[in-house]
Every structure is written in structure tokens, then in C-alpha cells.
């Protein structure tokens, strides 16, 4: 009977230690990802263990679509890793219509240089 109690106690302590380790990891990960209230996420994982961890991972994944790596705020990748400029259009653009120059004012008999 004493061995059963010892094994049960050891199993219980391993579960508690695992939940605490998961909570610490969730706290640091939520803090690093900039999520609101990382302490509440850690408490959720402490009390619900795997279910809380799954909820955390689903919500965290839905907040950051397509983001695989963590970059600190203000990080700019080197120029070689930034998006390249868009390629030129496949077909040349049609020429713009020409603007006609403004027509000169009509000649009046007083200002006509040829009539003088």
C-alpha cells in the first residue's frame, strides 16, 4: 500500500511540475508575442493544462497569420531580404494623347503687323 501511495504522489507531482513548466513557457511566449495579459494565459494553462495550451496556441495563431518567426519591434531586415520592387508591366503603356498648344489670340486690325 505504501508503494501505491508513493507512485501516486510521484505521478501527481510530475503532473503539477509539467503544468507549471507549460505555464512558464506560455507566459514567456505570450509576453514575447506581445499578447495582452500573459499572466492570465499562464493561469489558464495551470488550471486546464492541455486544453488551455491548445486554446492559447489556436488564439495566438489566429492573431498572427503567416508569421513564422518573431522579430523584435522596429526590426528591419537587411535590404537583400526585403521585398523586391514590382516588375515592369508586361505590355507597354499606350502613349498619352498629345496636348494641342494653345491657339494664339485672334488678330485685330489694330495689332496686325502685316496690315501696317
PDB file of N, CA and C in Angstrom:
ATOM      1  N   UNK A   1       0.818  -1.193   0.000  1.00  0.00           N
ATOM      2  CA  UNK A   1       0.000   0.000   0.000  1.00  0.00           C
ATOM      3  C   UNK A   1       0.861   1.256   0.000  1.00  0.00           C
ATOM      4  N   UNK A   2       2.000   1.210   0.678  1.00  0.00           N
ATOM      5  CA  UNK A   2       2.883   2.376   0.742  1.00  0.00           C
ATOM      6  C   UNK A   2       3.492   2.659  -0.632  1.00  0.00           C
ATOM      7  N   UNK A   3       3.759   1.612  -1.392  1.00  0.00           N
ATOM      8  CA  UNK A   3       4.340   1.811  -2.723  1.00  0.00           C
ATOM      9  C   UNK A   3       3.309   2.474  -3.634  1.00  0.00           C
ATOM     10  N   UNK A   4       2.052   2.055  -3.516  1.00  0.00           N
ATOM     11  CA  UNK A   4       0.995   2.667  -4.325  1.00  0.00           C
ATOM     12  C   UNK A   4       0.883   4.155  -4.005  1.00  0.00           C
ATOM     13  N   UNK A   5       0.921   4.511  -2.738  1.00  0.00           N
ATOM     14  CA  UNK A   5       0.826   5.914  -2.339  1.00  0.00           C
ATOM     15  C   UNK A   5       2.030   6.691  -2.854  1.00  0.00           C
ATOM     16  N   UNK A   6       3.225   6.099  -2.812  1.00  0.00           N
ATOM     17  CA  UNK A   6       4.431   6.757  -3.302  1.00  0.00           C
ATOM     18  C   UNK A   6       4.345   6.996  -4.815  1.00  0.00           C
ATOM     19  N   UNK A   7       3.893   5.989  -5.567  1.00  0.00           N
ATOM     20  CA  UNK A   7       3.768   6.127  -7.020  1.00  0.00           C
ATOM     21  C   UNK A   7       2.714   7.177  -7.350  1.00  0.00           C
ATOM     22  N   UNK A   8       1.591   7.150  -6.626  1.00  0.00           N
ATOM     23  CA  UNK A   8       0.543   8.143  -6.850  1.00  0.00           C
ATOM     24  C   UNK A   8       1.063   9.550  -6.572  1.00  0.00           C
ATOM     25  N   UNK A   9       1.780   9.732  -5.475  1.00  0.00           N
ATOM     26  CA  UNK A   9       2.336  11.038  -5.129  1.00  0.00           C
ATOM     27  C   UNK A   9       3.357  11.489  -6.176  1.00  0.00           C
ATOM     28  N   UNK A  10       4.197  10.595  -6.635  1.00  0.00           N
ATOM     29  CA  UNK A  10       5.185  10.923  -7.656  1.00  0.00           C
ATOM     30  C   UNK A  10       4.493  11.323  -8.964  1.00  0.00           C
ATOM     31  N   UNK A  11       3.467  10.584  -9.358  1.00  0.00           N
ATOM     32  CA  UNK A  11       2.710  10.906 -10.561  1.00  0.00           C
ATOM     33  C   UNK A  11       2.035  12.265 -10.436  1.00  0.00           C
ATOM     34  N   UNK A  12       1.444  12.552  -9.276  1.00  0.00           N
ATOM     35  CA  UNK A  12       0.787  13.823  -9.027  1.00  0.00           C
ATOM     36  C   UNK A  12       1.789  14.976  -9.101  1.00  0.00           C
ATOM     37  N   UNK A  13       2.969  14.791  -8.518  1.00  0.00           N
ATOM     38  CA  UNK A  13       3.992  15.841  -8.553  1.00  0.00           C
ATOM     39  C   UNK A  13       4.508  16.078  -9.975  1.00  0.00           C
ATOM     40  N   UNK A  14       4.610  15.023 -10.763  1.00  0.00           N
ATOM     41  CA  UNK A  14       5.026  15.190 -12.160  1.00  0.00           C
ATOM     42  C   UNK A  14       3.988  15.975 -12.964  1.00  0.00           C
ATOM     43  N   UNK A  15       2.730  15.729 -12.698  1.00  0.00           N
ATOM     44  CA  UNK A  15       1.674  16.473 -13.395  1.00  0.00           C
ATOM     45  C   UNK A  15       1.732  17.947 -13.004  1.00  0.00           C
ATOM     46  N   UNK A  16       1.908  18.232 -11.724  1.00  0.00           N
ATOM     47  CA  UNK A  16       1.996  19.619 -11.254  1.00  0.00           C
ATOM     48  C   UNK A  16       3.217  20.306 -11.857  1.00  0.00           C
ATOM     49  N   UNK A  17       4.356  19.615 -11.877  1.00  0.00           N
ATOM     50  CA  UNK A  17       5.577  20.203 -12.437  1.00  0.00           C
ATOM     51  C   UNK A  17       5.417  20.446 -13.940  1.00  0.00           C
ATOM     52  N   UNK A  18       4.770  19.528 -14.639  1.00  0.00           N
ATOM     53  CA  UNK A  18       4.538  19.716 -16.071  1.00  0.00           C
ATOM     54  C   UNK A  18       3.618  20.890 -16.350  1.00  0.00           C
ATOM     55  N   UNK A  19       2.566  21.033 -15.546  1.00  0.00           N
ATOM     56  CA  UNK A  19       1.651  22.168 -15.724  1.00  0.00           C
ATOM     57  C   UNK A  19       2.365  23.482 -15.433  1.00  0.00           C
ATOM     58  N   UNK A  20       3.227  23.478 -14.408  1.00  0.00           N
ATOM     59  CA  UNK A  20       3.981  24.696 -14.095  1.00  0.00           C
ATOM     60  C   UNK A  20       4.957  25.039 -15.220  1.00  0.00           C
ATOM     61  N   UNK A  21       5.621  24.031 -15.765  1.00  0.00           N
ATOM     62  CA  UNK A  21       6.558  24.284 -16.868  1.00  0.00           C
ATOM     63  C   UNK A  21       5.810  24.812 -18.095  1.00  0.00           C
ATOM     64  N   UNK A  22       4.649  24.241 -18.409  1.00  0.00           N
ATOM     65  CA  UNK A  22       3.854  24.745 -19.532  1.00  0.00           C
ATOM     66  C   UNK A  22       3.404  26.180 -19.285  1.00  0.00           C
ATOM     67  N   UNK A  23       3.012  26.483 -18.043  1.00  0.00           N
ATOM     68  CA  UNK A  23       2.555  27.837 -17.726  1.00  0.00           C
ATOM     69  C   UNK A  23       3.688  28.847 -17.892  1.00  0.00           C
ATOM     70  N   UNK A  24       4.888  28.485 -17.461  1.00  0.00           N
ATOM     71  CA  UNK A  24       6.036  29.388 -17.606  1.00  0.00           C
ATOM     72  C   UNK A  24       6.332  29.612 -19.082  1.00  0.00           C
ATOM     73  N   UNK A  25       6.284  28.547 -19.870  1.00  0.00           N
ATOM     74  CA  UNK A  25       6.544  28.691 -21.303  1.00  0.00           C
ATOM     75  C   UNK A  25       5.491  29.573 -21.967  1.00  0.00           C
ATOM     76  N   UNK A  26       4.213  29.346 -21.629  1.00  0.00           N
ATOM     77  CA  UNK A  26       3.127  30.145 -22.216  1.00  0.00           C
ATOM     78  C   UNK A  26       3.277  31.605 -21.811  1.00  0.00           C
ATOM     79  N   UNK A  27       3.631  31.863 -20.566  1.00  0.00           N
ATOM     80  CA  UNK A  27       3.805  33.242 -20.099  1.00  0.00           C
ATOM     81  C   UNK A  27       4.880  33.950 -20.922  1.00  0.00           C
ATOM     82  N   UNK A  28       6.041  33.317 -21.064  1.00  0.00           N
ATOM     83  CA  UNK A  28       7.130  33.952 -21.810  1.00  0.00           C
ATOM     84  C   UNK A  28       6.796  34.081 -23.297  1.00  0.00           C
ATOM     85  N   UNK A  29       6.127  33.093 -23.860  1.00  0.00           N
ATOM     86  CA  UNK A  29       5.778  33.150 -25.274  1.00  0.00           C
ATOM     87  C   UNK A  29       4.736  34.231 -25.533  1.00  0.00           C
ATOM     88  N   UNK A  30       3.756  34.347 -24.659  1.00  0.00           N
ATOM     89  CA  UNK A  30       2.726  35.382 -24.825  1.00  0.00           C
ATOM     90  C   UNK A  30       3.329  36.773 -24.643  1.00  0.00           C
ATOM     91  N   UNK A  31       4.252  36.893 -23.718  1.00  0.00           N
ATOM     92  CA  UNK A  31       4.915  38.180 -23.500  1.00  0.00           C
ATOM     93  C   UNK A  31       5.758  38.553 -24.715  1.00  0.00           C
ATOM     94  N   UNK A  32       6.474  37.600 -25.267  1.00  0.00           N
ATOM     95  CA  UNK A  32       7.328  37.848 -26.424  1.00  0.00           C
ATOM     96  C   UNK A  32       6.497  38.163 -27.663  1.00  0.00           C
ATOM     97  N   UNK A  33       5.328  37.544 -27.794  1.00  0.00           N
ATOM     98  CA  UNK A  33       4.473  37.781 -28.954  1.00  0.00           C
ATOM     99  C   UNK A  33       3.653  39.057 -28.823  1.00  0.00           C
ATOM    100  N   UNK A  34       3.730  39.722 -27.671  1.00  0.00           N
ATOM    101  CA  UNK A  34       3.011  40.974 -27.486  1.00  0.00           C
ATOM    102  C   UNK A  34       1.529  40.796 -27.231  1.00  0.00           C
ATOM    103  N   UNK A  35       1.127  39.637 -26.723  1.00  0.00           N
ATOM    104  CA  UNK A  35      -0.281  39.398 -26.444  1.00  0.00           C
ATOM    105  C   UNK A  35      -0.668  40.100 -25.146  1.00  0.00           C
ATOM    106  N   UNK A  36      -1.950  40.408 -25.049  1.00  0.00           N
ATOM    107  CA  UNK A  36      -2.440  41.056 -23.840  1.00  0.00           C
ATOM    108  C   UNK A  36      -2.504  40.053 -22.690  1.00  0.00           C
ATOM    109  N   UNK A  37      -2.158  40.495 -21.506  1.00  0.00           N
ATOM    110  CA  UNK A  37      -2.228  39.745 -20.250  1.00  0.00           C
ATOM    111  C   UNK A  37      -1.638  38.334 -20.333  1.00  0.00           C
ATOM    112  N   UNK A  38      -0.318  38.205 -20.437  1.00  0.00           N
ATOM    113  CA  UNK A  38       0.294  36.879 -20.474  1.00  0.00           C
ATOM    114  C   UNK A  38       0.092  36.097 -19.176  1.00  0.00           C
ATOM    115  N   UNK A  39      -0.093  36.810 -18.057  1.00  0.00           N
ATOM    116  CA  UNK A  39      -0.333  36.128 -16.784  1.00  0.00           C
ATOM    117  C   UNK A  39      -1.635  35.345 -16.783  1.00  0.00           C
ATOM    118  N   UNK A  40      -2.664  35.901 -17.415  1.00  0.00           N
ATOM    119  CA  UNK A  40      -3.940  35.175 -17.481  1.00  0.00           C
ATOM    120  C   UNK A  40      -3.826  33.938 -18.360  1.00  0.00           C
ATOM    121  N   UNK A  41      -3.026  34.031 -19.426  1.00  0.00           N
ATOM    122  CA  UNK A  41      -2.808  32.846 -20.257  1.00  0.00           C
ATOM    123  C   UNK A  41      -2.091  31.759 -19.452  1.00  0.00           C
ATOM    124  N   UNK A  42      -1.119  32.164 -18.636  1.00  0.00           N
ATOM    125  CA  UNK A  42      -0.402  31.185 -17.816  1.00  0.00           C
ATOM    126  C   UNK A  42      -1.345  30.537 -16.803  1.00  0.00           C
ATOM    127  N   UNK A  43      -2.218  31.338 -16.195  1.00  0.00           N
ATOM    128  CA  UNK A  43      -3.185  30.763 -15.240  1.00  0.00           C
ATOM    129  C   UNK A  43      -4.156  29.804 -15.937  1.00  0.00           C
ATOM    130  N   UNK A  44      -4.563  30.143 -17.144  1.00  0.00           N
ATOM    131  CA  UNK A  44      -5.441  29.237 -17.886  1.00  0.00           C
ATOM    132  C   UNK A  44      -4.756  27.892 -18.108  1.00  0.00           C
ATOM    133  N   UNK A  45      -3.476  27.928 -18.437  1.00  0.00           N
ATOM    134  CA  UNK A  45      -2.750  26.679 -18.675  1.00  0.00           C
ATOM    135  C   UNK A  45      -2.537  25.915 -17.367  1.00  0.00           C
ATOM    136  N   UNK A  46      -2.320  26.616 -16.251  1.00  0.00           N
ATOM    137  CA  UNK A  46      -2.139  25.930 -14.966  1.00  0.00           C
ATOM    138  C   UNK A  46      -3.402  25.157 -14.599  1.00  0.00           C
ATOM    139  N   UNK A  47      -4.561  25.780 -14.791  1.00  0.00           N
ATOM    140  CA  UNK A  47      -5.794  25.151 -14.335  1.00  0.00           C
ATOM    141  C   UNK A  47      -6.380  24.160 -15.344  1.00  0.00           C
ATOM    142  N   UNK A  48      -6.072  24.316 -16.620  1.00  0.00           N
ATOM    143  CA  UNK A  48      -6.678  23.424 -17.609  1.00  0.00           C
ATOM    144  C   UNK A  48      -5.650  22.607 -18.383  1.00  0.00           C
ATOM    145  N   UNK A  49      -4.393  22.780 -18.116  1.00  0.00           N
ATOM    146  CA  UNK A  49      -3.238  22.112 -18.752  1.00  0.00           C
ATOM    147  C   UNK A  49      -3.387  22.048 -20.267  1.00  0.00           C
ATOM    148  N   UNK A  50      -3.592  20.861 -20.838  1.00  0.00           N
ATOM    149  CA  UNK A  50      -3.522  20.683 -22.285  1.00  0.00           C
ATOM    150  C   UNK A  50      -4.622  21.438 -23.014  1.00  0.00           C
ATOM    151  N   UNK A  51      -5.801  21.504 -22.441  1.00  0.00           N
ATOM    152  CA  UNK A  51      -6.892  22.231 -23.094  1.00  0.00           C
ATOM    153  C   UNK A  51      -6.555  23.716 -23.177  1.00  0.00           C
ATOM    154  N   UNK A  52      -6.032  24.265 -22.094  1.00  0.00           N
ATOM    155  CA  UNK A  52      -5.626  25.671 -22.096  1.00  0.00           C
ATOM    156  C   UNK A  52      -4.491  25.931 -23.065  1.00  0.00           C
ATOM    157  N   UNK A  53      -3.568  24.984 -23.165  1.00  0.00           N
ATOM    158  CA  UNK A  53      -2.464  25.134 -24.108  1.00  0.00           C
ATOM    159  C   UNK A  53      -2.980  25.144 -25.545  1.00  0.00           C
ATOM    160  N   UNK A  54      -3.914  24.266 -25.856  1.00  0.00           N
ATOM    161  CA  UNK A  54      -4.479  24.224 -27.209  1.00  0.00           C
ATOM    162  C   UNK A  54      -5.236  25.516 -27.506  1.00  0.00           C
ATOM    163  N   UNK A  55      -6.016  26.013 -26.544  1.00  0.00           N
ATOM    164  CA  UNK A  55      -6.740  27.276 -26.735  1.00  0.00           C
ATOM    165  C   UNK A  55      -5.755  28.410 -26.976  1.00  0.00           C
ATOM    166  N   UNK A  56      -4.684  28.454 -26.187  1.00  0.00           N
ATOM    167  CA  UNK A  56      -3.662  29.501 -26.353  1.00  0.00           C
ATOM    168  C   UNK A  56      -3.040  29.446 -27.742  1.00  0.00           C
ATOM    169  N   UNK A  57      -2.662  28.256 -28.183  1.00  0.00           N
ATOM    170  CA  UNK A  57      -1.999  28.133 -29.485  1.00  0.00           C
ATOM    171  C   UNK A  57      -2.935  28.491 -30.634  1.00  0.00           C
ATOM    172  N   UNK A  58      -4.224  28.141 -30.515  1.00  0.00           N
ATOM    173  CA  UNK A  58      -5.177  28.482 -31.577  1.00  0.00           C
ATOM    174  C   UNK A  58      -5.376  29.991 -31.642  1.00  0.00           C
ATOM    175  N   UNK A  59      -5.553  30.627 -30.495  1.00  0.00           N
ATOM    176  CA  UNK A  59      -5.773  32.080 -30.496  1.00  0.00           C
ATOM    177  C   UNK A  59      -4.511  32.819 -30.915  1.00  0.00           C
ATOM    178  N   UNK A  60      -3.375  32.359 -30.469  1.00  0.00           N
ATOM    179  CA  UNK A  60      -2.127  33.016 -30.871  1.00  0.00           C
ATOM    180  C   UNK A  60      -1.912  32.876 -32.370  1.00  0.00           C
ATOM    181  N   UNK A  61      -2.207  31.716 -32.934  1.00  0.00           N
ATOM    182  CA  UNK A  61      -2.047  31.517 -34.368  1.00  0.00           C
ATOM    183  C   UNK A  61      -3.007  32.354 -35.185  1.00  0.00           C
ATOM    184  N   UNK A  62      -4.212  32.598 -34.668  1.00  0.00           N
ATOM    185  CA  UNK A  62      -5.169  33.401 -35.419  1.00  0.00           C
ATOM    186  C   UNK A  62      -4.834  34.881 -35.349  1.00  0.00           C
ATOM    187  N   UNK A  63      -4.064  35.302 -34.352  1.00  0.00           N
ATOM    188  CA  UNK A  63      -3.665  36.705 -34.237  1.00  0.00           C
ATOM    189  C   UNK A  63      -2.539  37.061 -35.186  1.00  0.00           C
ATOM    190  N   UNK A  64      -1.729  36.094 -35.596  1.00  0.00           N
ATOM    191  CA  UNK A  64      -0.546  36.372 -36.403  1.00  0.00           C
ATOM    192  C   UNK A  64      -0.549  35.499 -37.652  1.00  0.00           C
ATOM    193  N   UNK A  65      -1.406  35.803 -38.622  1.00  0.00           N
ATOM    194  CA  UNK A  65      -1.439  34.962 -39.812  1.00  0.00           C
ATOM    195  C   UNK A  65      -0.161  35.088 -40.632  1.00  0.00           C
ATOM    196  N   UNK A  66       0.384  33.965 -41.018  1.00  0.00           N
ATOM    197  CA  UNK A  66       1.550  33.950 -41.872  1.00  0.00           C
ATOM    198  C   UNK A  66       2.856  34.326 -41.214  1.00  0.00           C
ATOM    199  N   UNK A  67       2.845  34.555 -39.934  1.00  0.00           N
ATOM    200  CA  UNK A  67       4.066  34.964 -39.253  1.00  0.00           C
ATOM    201  C   UNK A  67       4.695  33.747 -38.608  1.00  0.00           C
ATOM    202  N   UNK A  68       5.875  33.370 -39.054  1.00  0.00           N
ATOM    203  CA  UNK A  68       6.511  32.170 -38.531  1.00  0.00           C
ATOM    204  C   UNK A  68       7.591  32.480 -37.505  1.00  0.00           C
ATOM    205  N   UNK A  69       8.209  33.636 -37.618  1.00  0.00           N
ATOM    206  CA  UNK A  69       9.332  33.953 -36.757  1.00  0.00           C
ATOM    207  C   UNK A  69       9.048  35.219 -35.976  1.00  0.00           C
ATOM    208  N   UNK A  70       9.670  35.327 -34.838  1.00  0.00           N
ATOM    209  CA  UNK A  70       9.498  36.508 -34.002  1.00  0.00           C
ATOM    210  C   UNK A  70      10.571  37.523 -34.350  1.00  0.00           C
ATOM    211  N   UNK A  71      10.147  38.754 -34.617  1.00  0.00           N
ATOM    212  CA  UNK A  71      11.077  39.853 -34.814  1.00  0.00           C
ATOM    213  C   UNK A  71      10.782  40.911 -33.760  1.00  0.00           C
ATOM    214  N   UNK A  72      11.790  41.452 -33.115  1.00  0.00           N
ATOM    215  CA  UNK A  72      11.528  42.491 -32.117  1.00  0.00           C
ATOM    216  C   UNK A  72      10.940  43.732 -32.781  1.00  0.00           C
ATOM    217  N   UNK A  73      10.222  44.552 -32.022  1.00  0.00           N
ATOM    218  CA  UNK A  73       9.619  45.752 -32.609  1.00  0.00           C
ATOM    219  C   UNK A  73      10.696  46.656 -33.212  1.00  0.00           C
ATOM    220  N   UNK A  74      10.427  47.186 -34.376  1.00  0.00           N
ATOM    221  CA  UNK A  74      11.349  48.084 -35.045  1.00  0.00           C
ATOM    222  C   UNK A  74      12.417  47.387 -35.866  1.00  0.00           C
ATOM    223  N   UNK A  75      12.393  46.062 -35.933  1.00  0.00           N
ATOM    224  CA  UNK A  75      13.414  45.329 -36.681  1.00  0.00           C
ATOM    225  C   UNK A  75      13.177  45.510 -38.172  1.00  0.00           C
ATOM    226  N   UNK A  76      14.214  45.844 -38.893  1.00  0.00           N
ATOM    227  CA  UNK A  76      14.160  45.942 -40.336  1.00  0.00           C
ATOM    228  C   UNK A  76      15.112  44.908 -40.923  1.00  0.00           C
ATOM    229  N   UNK A  77      14.634  44.028 -41.785  1.00  0.00           N
ATOM    230  CA  UNK A  77      15.537  43.051 -42.375  1.00  0.00           C
ATOM    231  C   UNK A  77      16.541  43.748 -43.284  1.00  0.00           C
ATOM    232  N   UNK A  78      17.672  43.097 -43.547  1.00  0.00           N
ATOM    233  CA  UNK A  78      18.651  43.697 -44.460  1.00  0.00           C
ATOM    234  C   UNK A  78      18.017  43.925 -45.836  1.00  0.00           C
ATOM    235  N   UNK A  79      18.572  44.863 -46.612  1.00  0.00           N
ATOM    236  CA  UNK A  79      17.953  45.191 -47.907  1.00  0.00           C
ATOM    237  C   UNK A  79      17.821  43.982 -48.832  1.00  0.00           C
ATOM    238  N   UNK A  80      18.721  43.028 -48.737  1.00  0.00           N
ATOM    239  CA  UNK A  80      18.641  41.883 -49.638  1.00  0.00           C
ATOM    240  C   UNK A  80      17.452  40.979 -49.313  1.00  0.00           C
ATOM    241  N   UNK A  81      16.877  41.091 -48.109  1.00  0.00           N
ATOM    242  CA  UNK A  81      15.752  40.246 -47.720  1.00  0.00           C
ATOM    243  C   UNK A  81      14.409  40.960 -47.838  1.00  0.00           C
ATOM    244  N   UNK A  82      14.424  42.225 -48.182  1.00  0.00           N
ATOM    245  CA  UNK A  82      13.164  42.946 -48.312  1.00  0.00           C
ATOM    246  C   UNK A  82      12.509  42.585 -49.630  1.00  0.00           C
ATOM    247  N   UNK A  83      11.250  42.921 -49.746  1.00  0.00           N
ATOM    248  CA  UNK A  83      10.516  42.600 -50.966  1.00  0.00           C
ATOM    249  C   UNK A  83      11.114  43.360 -52.144  1.00  0.00           C
ATOM    250  N   UNK A  84      11.315  42.693 -53.273  1.00  0.00           N
ATOM    251  CA  UNK A  84      11.856  43.389 -54.443  1.00  0.00           C
ATOM    252  C   UNK A  84      10.808  44.328 -55.026  1.00  0.00           C
ATOM    253  N   UNK A  85      11.229  45.304 -55.822  1.00  0.00           N
ATOM    254  CA  UNK A  85      10.234  46.193 -56.445  1.00  0.00           C
ATOM    255  C   UNK A  85       9.391  45.402 -57.432  1.00  0.00           C
ATOM    256  N   UNK A  86       8.195  45.872 -57.714  1.00  0.00           N
ATOM    257  CA  UNK A  86       7.340  45.127 -58.645  1.00  0.00           C
ATOM    258  C   UNK A  86       7.947  45.137 -60.045  1.00  0.00           C
ATOM    259  N   UNK A  87       7.721  44.088 -60.802  1.00  0.00           N
ATOM    260  CA  UNK A  87       8.276  44.040 -62.163  1.00  0.00           C
ATOM    261  C   UNK A  87       7.565  45.047 -63.062  1.00  0.00           C
ATOM    262  N   UNK A  88       8.219  45.445 -64.152  1.00  0.00           N
ATOM    263  CA  UNK A  88       7.549  46.371 -65.075  1.00  0.00           C
ATOM    264  C   UNK A  88       6.373  45.677 -65.730  1.00  0.00           C
ATOM    265  N   UNK A  89       5.417  46.439 -66.244  1.00  0.00           N
ATOM    266  CA  UNK A  89       4.247  45.805 -66.872  1.00  0.00           C
ATOM    267  C   UNK A  89       4.669  44.986 -68.088  1.00  0.00           C
ATOM    268  N   UNK A  90       3.911  43.952 -68.374  1.00  0.00           N
ATOM    269  CA  UNK A  90       4.239  43.046 -69.468  1.00  0.00           C
ATOM    270  C   UNK A  90       4.074  43.723 -70.821  1.00  0.00           C
ATOM    271  N   UNK A  91       3.126  44.610 -70.943  1.00  0.00           N
ATOM    272  CA  UNK A  91       2.885  45.303 -72.213  1.00  0.00           C
ATOM    273  C   UNK A  91       3.168  46.779 -72.003  1.00  0.00           C
ATOM    274  N   UNK A  92       3.723  47.434 -73.031  1.00  0.00           N
ATOM    275  CA  UNK A  92       3.977  48.877 -72.870  1.00  0.00           C
ATOM    276  C   UNK A  92       2.666  49.634 -72.733  1.00  0.00           C
ATOM    277  N   UNK A  93       2.734  50.689 -71.986  1.00  0.00           N
ATOM    278  CA  UNK A  93       1.555  51.525 -71.783  1.00  0.00           C
ATOM    279  C   UNK A  93       1.263  52.285 -73.078  1.00  0.00           C
ATOM    280  N   UNK A  94      -0.016  52.492 -73.423  1.00  0.00           N
ATOM    281  CA  UNK A  94      -0.322  53.258 -74.630  1.00  0.00           C
ATOM    282  C   UNK A  94       0.145  54.699 -74.462  1.00  0.00           C
ATOM    283  N   UNK A  95       0.554  55.327 -75.551  1.00  0.00           N
ATOM    284  CA  UNK A  95       1.024  56.718 -75.439  1.00  0.00           C
ATOM    285  C   UNK A  95      -0.117  57.626 -74.995  1.00  0.00           C
ATOM    286  N   UNK A  96       0.251  58.627 -74.268  1.00  0.00           N
ATOM    287  CA  UNK A  96      -0.728  59.596 -73.791  1.00  0.00           C
ATOM    288  C   UNK A  96      -1.130  60.492 -74.966  1.00  0.00           C
ATOM    289  N   UNK A  97      -2.377  60.905 -75.066  1.00  0.00           N
ATOM    290  CA  UNK A  97      -2.781  61.799 -76.161  1.00  0.00           C
ATOM    291  C   UNK A  97      -2.026  63.124 -76.070  1.00  0.00           C
ATOM    292  N   UNK A  98      -1.658  63.671 -77.251  1.00  0.00           N
ATOM    293  CA  UNK A  98      -0.906  64.914 -77.292  1.00  0.00           C
ATOM    294  C   UNK A  98      -1.819  66.077 -76.965  1.00  0.00           C
ATOM    295  N   UNK A  99      -1.249  66.975 -76.235  1.00  0.00           N
ATOM    296  CA  UNK A  99      -1.971  68.201 -75.905  1.00  0.00           C
ATOM    297  C   UNK A  99      -1.696  69.217 -77.024  1.00  0.00           C
ATOM    298  N   UNK A 100      -2.727  69.771 -77.607  1.00  0.00           N
ATOM    299  CA  UNK A 100      -2.543  70.816 -78.617  1.00  0.00           C
ATOM    300  C   UNK A 100      -2.084  72.088 -77.929  1.00  0.00           C
ATOM    301  N   UNK A 101      -1.124  72.803 -78.556  1.00  0.00           N
ATOM    302  CA  UNK A 101      -0.708  74.078 -77.944  1.00  0.00           C
ATOM    303  C   UNK A 101      -1.857  75.073 -78.001  1.00  0.00           C
ATOM    304  N   UNK A 102      -1.870  75.989 -77.079  1.00  0.00           N
ATOM    305  CA  UNK A 102      -2.972  76.967 -77.093  1.00  0.00           C
ATOM    306  C   UNK A 102      -2.899  77.808 -78.378  1.00  0.00           C
ATOM    307  N   UNK A 103      -4.054  78.088 -78.929  1.00  0.00           N
ATOM    308  CA  UNK A 103      -4.097  78.887 -80.157  1.00  0.00           C
ATOM    309  C   UNK A 103      -3.839  80.349 -79.820  1.00  0.00           C
ATOM    310  N   UNK A 104      -3.186  81.083 -80.729  1.00  0.00           N
ATOM    311  CA  UNK A 104      -2.923  82.499 -80.457  1.00  0.00           C
ATOM    312  C   UNK A 104      -4.226  83.289 -80.487  1.00  0.00           C
ATOM    313  N   UNK A 105      -4.243  84.400 -79.836  1.00  0.00           N
ATOM    314  CA  UNK A 105      -5.479  85.209 -79.847  1.00  0.00           C
ATOM    315  C   UNK A 105      -5.759  85.703 -81.267  1.00  0.00           C
ATOM    316  N   UNK A 106      -7.011  85.896 -81.583  1.00  0.00           N
ATOM    317  CA  UNK A 106      -7.328  86.370 -82.939  1.00  0.00           C
ATOM    318  C   UNK A 106      -6.709  87.751 -83.191  1.00  0.00           C
ATOM    319  N   UNK A 107      -6.269  87.929 -84.404  1.00  0.00           N
ATOM    320  CA  UNK A 107      -5.628  89.200 -84.754  1.00  0.00           C
ATOM    321  C   UNK A 107      -6.677  90.280 -84.924  1.00  0.00           C
ATOM    322  N   UNK A 108      -6.427  91.393 -84.392  1.00  0.00           N
ATOM    323  CA  UNK A 108      -7.331  92.542 -84.566  1.00  0.00           C
ATOM    324  C   UNK A 108      -6.671  93.499 -85.567  1.00  0.00           C
ATOM    325  N   UNK A 109      -7.422  94.301 -86.265  1.00  0.00           N
ATOM    326  CA  UNK A 109      -6.810  95.207 -87.244  1.00  0.00           C
ATOM    327  C   UNK A 109      -5.840  96.201 -86.617  1.00  0.00           C
ATOM    328  N   UNK A 110      -6.004  96.492 -85.354  1.00  0.00           N
ATOM    329  CA  UNK A 110      -5.106  97.449 -84.706  1.00  0.00           C
ATOM    330  C   UNK A 110      -3.747  96.820 -84.422  1.00  0.00           C
ATOM    331  N   UNK A 111      -3.732  95.535 -84.128  1.00  0.00           N
ATOM    332  CA  UNK A 111      -2.470  94.872 -83.745  1.00  0.00           C
ATOM    333  C   UNK A 111      -1.902  94.013 -84.854  1.00  0.00           C
ATOM    334  N   UNK A 112      -2.423  94.045 -86.033  1.00  0.00           N
ATOM    335  CA  UNK A 112      -1.945  93.199 -87.118  1.00  0.00           C
ATOM    336  C   UNK A 112      -0.679  93.819 -87.709  1.00  0.00           C
ATOM    337  N   UNK A 113       0.489  93.111 -87.574  1.00  0.00           N
ATOM    338  CA  UNK A 113       1.722  93.695 -88.092  1.00  0.00           C
ATOM    339  C   UNK A 113       1.776  93.708 -89.609  1.00  0.00           C
ATOM    340  N   UNK A 114       1.007  92.866 -90.302  1.00  0.00           N
ATOM    341  CA  UNK A 114       1.066  92.834 -91.755  1.00  0.00           C
ATOM    342  C   UNK A 114       0.253  93.939 -92.422  1.00  0.00           C
ATOM    343  N   UNK A 115      -0.735  94.434 -91.772  1.00  0.00           N
ATOM    344  CA  UNK A 115      -1.598  95.453 -92.366  1.00  0.00           C
ATOM    345  C   UNK A 115      -0.968  96.840 -92.299  1.00  0.00           C
ATOM    346  N   UNK A 116       0.075  97.037 -91.635  1.00  0.00           N
ATOM    347  CA  UNK A 116       0.670  98.377 -91.500  1.00  0.00           C
ATOM    348  C   UNK A 116       1.639  98.676 -92.563  1.00  0.00           C
TER     349      UNK A 116
END
